[in-house]
C-alpha atoms as a PDB file:
ATOM      1  CA  UNK A   1      15.081  -7.625  27.314  1.00  0.00           C
ATOM      2  CA  UNK A   2      12.438  -9.930  28.501  1.00  0.00           C
ATOM      3  CA  UNK A   3       8.813  -9.285  27.788  1.00  0.00           C
ATOM      4  CA  UNK A   4       7.732 -10.590  30.948  1.00  0.00           C
ATOM      5  CA  UNK A   5      10.203  -8.070  32.837  1.00  0.00           C
ATOM      6  CA  UNK A   6       8.455  -5.126  30.586  1.00  0.00           C
ATOM      7  CA  UNK A   7       4.869  -5.633  31.349  1.00  0.00           C
ATOM      8  CA  UNK A   8       4.951  -8.412  33.898  1.00  0.00           C
ATOM      9  CA  UNK A   9       3.505 -11.715  33.515  1.00  0.00           C
ATOM     10  CA  UNK A  10       1.811 -12.009  29.907  1.00  0.00           C
ATOM     11  CA  UNK A  11       0.236 -15.484  30.663  1.00  0.00           C
ATOM     12  CA  UNK A  12      -3.240 -13.390  31.263  1.00  0.00           C
ATOM     13  CA  UNK A  13      -3.749 -10.836  28.889  1.00  0.00           C
ATOM     14  CA  UNK A  14      -7.177  -9.574  30.145  1.00  0.00           C
ATOM     15  CA  UNK A  15      -5.972  -7.290  33.049  1.00  0.00           C
ATOM     16  CA  UNK A  16      -4.348  -5.072  30.256  1.00  0.00           C
ATOM     17  CA  UNK A  17      -6.257  -2.528  28.160  1.00  0.00           C
ATOM     18  CA  UNK A  18      -6.264  -3.378  24.179  1.00  0.00           C
ATOM     19  CA  UNK A  19      -3.358  -1.013  23.615  1.00  0.00           C
ATOM     20  CA  UNK A  20      -1.192  -2.940  26.120  1.00  0.00           C
ATOM     21  CA  UNK A  21      -2.218  -6.337  24.735  1.00  0.00           C
ATOM     22  CA  UNK A  22      -1.363  -4.996  21.332  1.00  0.00           C
ATOM     23  CA  UNK A  23       2.188  -3.831  22.678  1.00  0.00           C
ATOM     24  CA  UNK A  24       2.745  -7.215  24.269  1.00  0.00           C
ATOM     25  CA  UNK A  25       2.093  -9.064  21.148  1.00  0.00           C
ATOM     26  CA  UNK A  26       4.234  -6.641  18.905  1.00  0.00           C
ATOM     27  CA  UNK A  27       7.227  -7.221  21.642  1.00  0.00           C
ATOM     28  CA  UNK A  28       6.757 -10.920  21.299  1.00  0.00           C
ATOM     29  CA  UNK A  29       7.413 -10.405  17.530  1.00  0.00           C
ATOM     30  CA  UNK A  30       9.806  -7.549  17.688  1.00  0.00           C
ATOM     31  CA  UNK A  31      12.141  -8.929  15.042  1.00  0.00           C
ATOM     32  CA  UNK A  32       9.515  -9.930  12.373  1.00  0.00           C
ATOM     33  CA  UNK A  33       6.455  -7.857  13.173  1.00  0.00           C
ATOM     34  CA  UNK A  34       3.140  -9.123  12.804  1.00  0.00           C
ATOM     35  CA  UNK A  35       0.001  -8.848  10.103  1.00  0.00           C
ATOM     36  CA  UNK A  36      -3.348  -7.820  11.528  1.00  0.00           C
ATOM     37  CA  UNK A  37      -4.881 -10.753  11.472  1.00  0.00           C
ATOM     38  CA  UNK A  38      -2.268 -12.447  13.634  1.00  0.00           C
ATOM     39  CA  UNK A  39      -1.857  -9.519  15.713  1.00  0.00           C
ATOM     40  CA  UNK A  40      -5.899  -9.570  16.688  1.00  0.00           C
ATOM     41  CA  UNK A  41      -5.513 -13.410  17.465  1.00  0.00           C
ATOM     42  CA  UNK A  42      -2.375 -12.788  19.746  1.00  0.00           C
ATOM     43  CA  UNK A  43      -3.675  -9.683  21.430  1.00  0.00           C
ATOM     44  CA  UNK A  44      -7.308 -10.983  21.683  1.00  0.00           C
ATOM     45  CA  UNK A  45      -8.471  -7.590  20.147  1.00  0.00           C
ATOM     46  CA  UNK A  46     -11.014  -7.088  17.432  1.00  0.00           C
ATOM     47  CA  UNK A  47     -10.692  -5.341  14.419  1.00  0.00           C
ATOM     48  CA  UNK A  48     -12.978  -2.215  15.530  1.00  0.00           C
ATOM     49  CA  UNK A  49     -10.116  -1.466  18.342  1.00  0.00           C
ATOM     50  CA  UNK A  50      -7.123  -2.538  16.534  1.00  0.00           C
ATOM     51  CA  UNK A  51      -6.805  -0.506  13.595  1.00  0.00           C
ATOM     52  CA  UNK A  52      -7.211   2.783  15.547  1.00  0.00           C
ATOM     53  CA  UNK A  53      -4.831   1.691  18.199  1.00  0.00           C
ATOM     54  CA  UNK A  54      -2.263   1.179  15.281  1.00  0.00           C
ATOM     55  CA  UNK A  55      -3.031   4.269  13.592  1.00  0.00           C
ATOM     56  CA  UNK A  56      -2.313   6.252  16.829  1.00  0.00           C
ATOM     57  CA  UNK A  57       0.755   3.914  17.489  1.00  0.00           C
ATOM     58  CA  UNK A  58       1.974   4.806  13.857  1.00  0.00           C
ATOM     59  CA  UNK A  59       1.353   8.549  14.299  1.00  0.00           C
ATOM     60  CA  UNK A  60       3.265   8.418  17.582  1.00  0.00           C
ATOM     61  CA  UNK A  61       6.308   6.837  15.781  1.00  0.00           C
ATOM     62  CA  UNK A  62       5.858   3.569  18.211  1.00  0.00           C
ATOM     63  CA  UNK A  63       4.987   1.314  15.292  1.00  0.00           C
ATOM     64  CA  UNK A  64       6.031   1.411  11.629  1.00  0.00           C
ATOM     65  CA  UNK A  65       4.315  -0.804   8.921  1.00  0.00           C
ATOM     66  CA  UNK A  66       4.782  -1.862   5.088  1.00  0.00           C
ATOM     67  CA  UNK A  67       3.016  -3.853   2.553  1.00  0.00           C
ATOM     68  CA  UNK A  68       4.337  -7.357   1.641  1.00  0.00           C
ATOM     69  CA  UNK A  69       4.162  -7.828  -2.124  1.00  0.00           C
ATOM     70  CA  UNK A  70       1.007  -9.828  -3.163  1.00  0.00           C
ATOM     71  CA  UNK A  71       1.512 -13.541  -3.891  1.00  0.00           C
ATOM     72  CA  UNK A  72      -0.189 -14.935  -6.884  1.00  0.00           C
ATOM     73  CA  UNK A  73      -2.835 -16.710  -5.402  1.00  0.00           C
ATOM     74  CA  UNK A  74      -3.559 -14.301  -2.649  1.00  0.00           C
ATOM     75  CA  UNK A  75      -6.792 -12.477  -2.533  1.00  0.00           C
ATOM     76  CA  UNK A  76      -5.361  -9.569  -0.402  1.00  0.00           C
ATOM     77  CA  UNK A  77      -2.136  -7.903   0.015  1.00  0.00           C
ATOM     78  CA  UNK A  78      -0.756  -7.974   3.544  1.00  0.00           C
ATOM     79  CA  UNK A  79       0.415  -5.143   5.952  1.00  0.00           C
ATOM     80  CA  UNK A  80       3.001  -5.949   8.466  1.00  0.00           C
ATOM     81  CA  UNK A  81       3.418  -3.950  11.762  1.00  0.00           C
ATOM     82  CA  UNK A  82       6.649  -3.808  13.898  1.00  0.00           C
ATOM     83  CA  UNK A  83       7.691  -2.093  16.819  1.00  0.00           C
ATOM     84  CA  UNK A  84      10.063   0.822  16.105  1.00  0.00           C
ATOM     85  CA  UNK A  85      13.034   1.469  18.767  1.00  0.00           C
ATOM     86  CA  UNK A  86      10.881   4.235  19.870  1.00  0.00           C
ATOM     87  CA  UNK A  87       8.170   1.736  20.669  1.00  0.00           C
ATOM     88  CA  UNK A  88      10.472  -0.394  22.549  1.00  0.00           C
ATOM     89  CA  UNK A  89      11.629   2.148  24.615  1.00  0.00           C
ATOM     90  CA  UNK A  90       7.807   3.203  25.273  1.00  0.00           C
ATOM     91  CA  UNK A  91       7.155  -0.320  26.385  1.00  0.00           C
ATOM     92  CA  UNK A  92      10.078   0.029  28.851  1.00  0.00           C
ATOM     93  CA  UNK A  93       8.483   3.302  30.341  1.00  0.00           C
ATOM     94  CA  UNK A  94       5.080   1.329  30.414  1.00  0.00           C
ATOM     95  CA  UNK A  95       6.807  -1.209  32.716  1.00  0.00           C
ATOM     96  CA  UNK A  96       7.314   1.821  35.162  1.00  0.00           C
END
């Protein structure tokens, strides 16, 4: 399944809502998932928007998340977000 076929051309993210841009970024990394800083960078969304959207997506079972083990010299733990199969299906419906 091509990401371009799901939400059209993804070269320009600015025509999409923040939730759609997050969805595109998660689709691009559907096998590995993304940390919040990487998701913010790829989706061009600030932290004030990304957290409520991810919480909503997680409550709707579109996204799943887990903590990575903290590394020895790492200051903070890293949480990874990944689309569930339900999330991939939602993206297909979004394509319309």
